[in-house]
């Protein structure tokens, strides 16, 4: 049985409406703060795609008003489920922008767990968008994704040890890691909650997520990322949770 849902979030962003539009309504822009590798056909009725870990999800652009409003919708599944995303942009004095996000649709039998996960995730994603616009303006990121199943109940402890972080991760803590085949990671924790934390370095935004039985990474690299970066991070994560 499906159930309707709606989540509304608002973010004050240190960027112009034009910069925010590039970040939310173009493939390279979305790559720089959200999930996966994205493509957007820039018109109403155009196609959107997101590829994450070999999984491809398509949608359609339902509103395309540059600098003002962008909306997409996924196809309706056999059981009626779908998701819709609407982004509303409003300029503010001083060159900043207010972005309002409305995420709605129909969820399936596990609707409560799905809804709770979505509701918890959006503040983090908008924080990542703010970090991108504040610290890497005018640049586009290379997305890096890795996932590893884990039977270890203390996966957060393994992650914090590997990143030289204290057991209680707090915003402002310094992280350091030397993953094989990659440049050293040196940066500052900018987000920390019970399910994830994020580290900003001079060349990227690194995010680490842990849930029962699985660990995920969504990184956004703004420097000269090596072609093998995703494979190297996958090895790092797999070895860590083995």
Protein backbone atom coordinates (compact mmCIF):
# COMPACT_ATOMS: atom_id res chain seq x y z
CA UNK A 1 0.00 0.00 0.00
CA UNK A 2 1.37 3.41 -0.96
CA UNK A 3 1.25 6.54 1.16
CA UNK A 4 1.77 10.15 0.08
CA UNK A 5 4.54 12.21 1.65
CA UNK A 6 5.97 15.68 1.44
CA UNK A 7 9.18 17.11 2.88
CA UNK A 8 9.92 20.82 2.67
CA UNK A 9 13.31 22.34 3.47
CA UNK A 10 14.77 25.82 3.11
CA UNK A 11 18.40 26.91 2.92
CA UNK A 12 20.12 30.29 2.91
CA UNK A 13 22.98 30.02 0.42
CA UNK A 14 26.05 32.27 -0.04
CA UNK A 15 25.66 32.48 -3.81
CA UNK A 16 23.72 34.28 -6.51
CA UNK A 17 20.53 32.80 -7.99
CA UNK A 18 22.50 32.06 -11.17
CA UNK A 19 25.10 30.06 -9.22
CA UNK A 20 22.41 28.17 -7.34
CA UNK A 21 20.66 27.37 -10.61
CA UNK A 22 23.86 25.91 -12.05
CA UNK A 23 24.22 23.76 -8.94
CA UNK A 24 20.69 22.33 -8.89
CA UNK A 25 19.69 22.21 -12.57
CA UNK A 26 22.77 20.95 -14.45
CA UNK A 27 24.48 17.57 -14.40
CA UNK A 28 27.94 18.86 -13.38
CA UNK A 29 26.38 21.08 -10.73
CA UNK A 30 24.40 18.24 -9.15
CA UNK A 31 27.51 16.02 -9.29
CA UNK A 32 29.24 18.60 -7.07
CA UNK A 33 27.01 18.20 -3.99
CA UNK A 34 24.30 15.52 -4.35
CA UNK A 35 24.55 11.82 -5.17
CA UNK A 36 25.86 9.91 -8.17
CA UNK A 37 26.65 11.02 -11.71
CA UNK A 38 23.90 13.15 -13.18
CA UNK A 39 22.68 14.40 -16.52
CA UNK A 40 19.93 16.96 -17.18
CA UNK A 41 18.34 17.76 -20.52
CA UNK A 42 17.78 21.53 -20.08
CA UNK A 43 14.14 21.97 -20.95
CA UNK A 44 10.68 21.18 -19.65
CA UNK A 45 9.95 17.62 -20.72
CA UNK A 46 13.65 16.79 -20.83
CA UNK A 47 15.18 13.68 -19.34
CA UNK A 48 17.20 13.45 -16.13
CA UNK A 49 19.44 10.56 -15.13
CA UNK A 50 21.30 9.64 -11.97
CA UNK A 51 23.75 6.74 -11.88
CA UNK A 52 25.00 5.50 -8.52
CA UNK A 53 26.94 2.30 -8.07
CA UNK A 54 25.78 0.90 -11.40
CA UNK A 55 22.12 1.71 -10.67
CA UNK A 56 20.50 4.12 -13.11
CA UNK A 57 17.41 6.16 -12.32
CA UNK A 58 15.62 8.30 -14.88
CA UNK A 59 13.15 11.13 -14.54
CA UNK A 60 11.54 13.94 -16.47
CA UNK A 61 11.89 17.71 -16.06
CA UNK A 62 8.46 19.07 -15.12
CA UNK A 63 9.44 22.73 -14.66
CA UNK A 64 12.37 24.65 -16.11
CA UNK A 65 12.50 28.38 -15.34
CA UNK A 66 16.20 29.39 -15.21
CA UNK A 67 17.09 31.20 -12.02
CA UNK A 68 13.64 30.62 -10.51
CA UNK A 69 12.18 27.11 -10.53
CA UNK A 70 13.34 23.61 -11.41
CA UNK A 71 11.30 20.43 -10.89
CA UNK A 72 11.62 16.75 -11.80
CA UNK A 73 9.61 13.57 -11.36
CA UNK A 74 10.48 9.89 -11.52
CA UNK A 75 8.29 7.45 -13.48
CA UNK A 76 5.42 5.81 -11.62
CA UNK A 77 6.27 2.25 -10.56
CA UNK A 78 3.86 -0.65 -10.92
CA UNK A 79 2.73 -0.23 -7.32
CA UNK A 80 2.17 3.50 -7.79
CA UNK A 81 5.33 4.79 -6.14
CA UNK A 82 7.09 7.89 -7.50
CA UNK A 83 9.14 10.83 -6.29
CA UNK A 84 8.96 14.49 -7.28
CA UNK A 85 11.48 17.26 -6.54
CA UNK A 86 10.84 21.00 -6.78
CA UNK A 87 13.47 23.70 -6.24
CA UNK A 88 12.37 27.31 -5.81
CA UNK A 89 15.01 30.06 -5.95
CA UNK A 90 14.63 33.52 -4.42
CA UNK A 91 17.28 36.25 -4.54
CA UNK A 92 18.18 38.10 -1.35
CA UNK A 93 20.04 41.32 -0.71
CA UNK A 94 23.82 41.10 -0.69
CA UNK A 95 24.04 38.51 -3.46
CA UNK A 96 22.74 35.58 -1.41
CA UNK A 97 19.88 33.24 -2.26
CA UNK A 98 17.14 31.35 -0.46
CA UNK A 99 16.45 27.90 -1.86
CA UNK A 100 13.25 26.07 -0.98
CA UNK A 101 13.11 22.33 -1.72
CA UNK A 102 9.89 20.31 -1.81
CA UNK A 103 10.31 16.54 -2.06
CA UNK A 104 7.03 14.66 -2.45
CA UNK A 105 5.47 11.54 -3.94
CA UNK A 106 4.20 8.13 -2.90
CA UNK A 107 6.13 5.63 -0.77
CA UNK A 108 5.61 1.86 -0.50
CA UNK A 109 4.98 -0.61 2.31
CA UNK A 110 8.05 0.50 4.28
CA UNK A 111 6.92 4.10 3.99
CA UNK A 112 7.70 5.09 7.58
CA UNK A 113 11.34 4.00 7.40
CA UNK A 114 11.72 5.51 3.92
CA UNK A 115 10.16 8.78 5.01
CA UNK A 116 12.32 9.02 8.13
CA UNK A 117 15.50 8.39 6.08
CA UNK A 118 14.55 11.06 3.54
CA UNK A 119 13.62 13.55 6.24
CA UNK A 120 16.96 13.05 7.99
CA UNK A 121 18.94 13.19 4.76
CA UNK A 122 17.80 16.52 3.32
CA UNK A 123 19.39 18.83 5.93
CA UNK A 124 22.71 17.07 5.26
CA UNK A 125 22.41 17.40 1.48
CA UNK A 126 21.60 21.10 1.73
CA UNK A 127 24.56 21.55 4.06
CA UNK A 128 26.77 19.93 1.40
CA UNK A 129 25.31 22.28 -1.22
CA UNK A 130 26.14 25.24 1.02
CA UNK A 131 29.69 23.98 1.51
CA UNK A 132 30.11 23.59 -2.23
CA UNK A 133 28.87 27.09 -3.04
CA UNK A 134 30.83 28.71 -0.22
CA UNK A 135 34.19 27.00 -0.71
CA UNK A 136 34.33 25.79 -4.32
CA UNK A 137 32.45 28.45 -6.33
CA UNK A 138 32.77 28.23 -10.08
CA UNK A 139 34.20 24.72 -9.93
CA UNK A 140 32.59 21.38 -10.64
CA UNK A 141 33.31 18.24 -8.69
CA UNK A 142 34.11 14.69 -9.68
CA UNK A 143 31.70 12.41 -7.82
CA UNK A 144 33.13 9.36 -6.06
CA UNK A 145 30.89 6.60 -4.67
CA UNK A 146 31.77 3.48 -2.72
CA UNK A 147 29.68 0.97 -0.77
CA UNK A 148 30.58 -2.06 1.31
CA UNK A 149 28.41 -4.45 3.32
CA UNK A 150 29.53 -4.81 6.89
CA UNK A 151 28.77 -7.29 9.60
CA UNK A 152 30.66 -5.10 12.05
CA UNK A 153 28.32 -3.33 14.42
CA UNK A 154 30.92 -0.68 15.22
CA UNK A 155 31.50 0.55 11.69
CA UNK A 156 31.46 4.17 12.88
CA UNK A 157 34.35 3.39 15.23
CA UNK A 158 36.30 1.85 12.35
CA UNK A 159 35.70 4.92 10.21
CA UNK A 160 36.74 7.37 12.92
CA UNK A 161 39.93 5.41 13.66
CA UNK A 162 40.84 5.31 9.97
CA UNK A 163 40.38 9.08 9.73
CA UNK A 164 42.26 9.85 12.97
CA UNK A 165 39.10 11.30 14.51
CA UNK A 166 37.97 11.12 18.14
CA UNK A 167 35.31 8.55 19.00
CA UNK A 168 32.80 11.36 19.42
CA UNK A 169 33.04 13.19 16.13
CA UNK A 170 32.21 16.89 16.38
CA UNK A 171 32.17 19.73 13.90
CA UNK A 172 35.58 21.36 13.81
CA UNK A 173 37.58 18.19 14.47
CA UNK A 174 40.57 17.58 12.20
CA UNK A 175 40.68 14.44 10.03
CA UNK A 176 43.70 12.76 8.47
CA UNK A 177 44.01 9.62 6.35
CA UNK A 178 46.47 8.25 3.81
CA UNK A 179 44.48 5.93 1.51
CA UNK A 180 46.65 3.81 -0.75
CA UNK A 181 47.00 5.21 -4.25
CA UNK A 182 45.49 8.59 -3.31
CA UNK A 183 46.77 11.90 -1.94
CA UNK A 184 46.56 12.26 1.85
CA UNK A 185 43.26 13.52 3.22
CA UNK A 186 43.62 16.45 5.62
CA UNK A 187 40.56 18.44 6.53
CA UNK A 188 37.93 19.65 8.96
CA UNK A 189 34.69 17.96 9.99
CA UNK A 190 31.80 20.17 8.88
CA UNK A 191 28.87 17.85 9.70
CA UNK A 192 28.39 15.08 12.24
CA UNK A 193 25.29 13.15 13.26
CA UNK A 194 24.48 9.57 14.26
CA UNK A 195 24.52 8.27 10.66
CA UNK A 196 27.16 10.28 8.81
CA UNK A 197 29.90 12.85 8.93
CA UNK A 198 31.53 15.10 6.35
CA UNK A 199 35.09 16.39 5.99
CA UNK A 200 36.05 19.40 3.87
CA UNK A 201 39.61 19.61 2.56
CA UNK A 202 41.33 22.04 0.23
CA UNK A 203 40.29 19.94 -2.75
CA UNK A 204 37.06 18.18 -1.84
CA UNK A 205 34.04 17.34 0.29
CA UNK A 206 34.29 13.81 1.69
CA UNK A 207 31.19 12.21 3.21
CA UNK A 208 31.02 8.96 5.16
CA UNK A 209 27.69 7.24 5.89
CA UNK A 210 27.05 4.16 8.04
CA UNK A 211 23.84 2.20 8.53
CA UNK A 212 23.14 -1.27 9.93
CA UNK A 213 25.00 -3.70 7.68
CA UNK A 214 26.43 -1.20 5.19
CA UNK A 215 28.86 1.70 4.83
CA UNK A 216 28.69 4.30 2.04
CA UNK A 217 30.84 7.14 0.79
CA UNK A 218 29.78 10.04 -1.42
CA UNK A 219 32.78 12.28 -2.16
CA UNK A 220 33.04 15.37 -4.37
CA UNK A 221 36.58 16.06 -5.58
CA UNK A 222 37.48 19.51 -6.94
CA UNK A 223 41.19 19.06 -7.57
CA UNK A 224 42.91 17.00 -10.28
CA UNK A 225 41.21 13.76 -9.23
CA UNK A 226 43.04 10.62 -10.39
CA UNK A 227 41.04 8.44 -12.77
CA UNK A 228 41.35 5.57 -10.32
CA UNK A 229 40.03 7.57 -7.34
CA UNK A 230 36.71 5.73 -7.10
CA UNK A 231 38.36 2.30 -7.30
CA UNK A 232 40.94 3.33 -4.67
CA UNK A 233 38.29 4.57 -2.26
CA UNK A 234 36.30 1.39 -2.84
CA UNK A 235 39.32 -0.71 -1.86
CA UNK A 236 39.88 1.49 1.20
CA UNK A 237 36.30 1.03 2.38
CA UNK A 238 36.16 -2.69 1.60
CA UNK A 239 39.39 -3.34 3.51
CA UNK A 240 38.17 -1.21 6.42
CA UNK A 241 34.96 -3.17 7.00
CA UNK A 242 36.33 -6.62 6.15
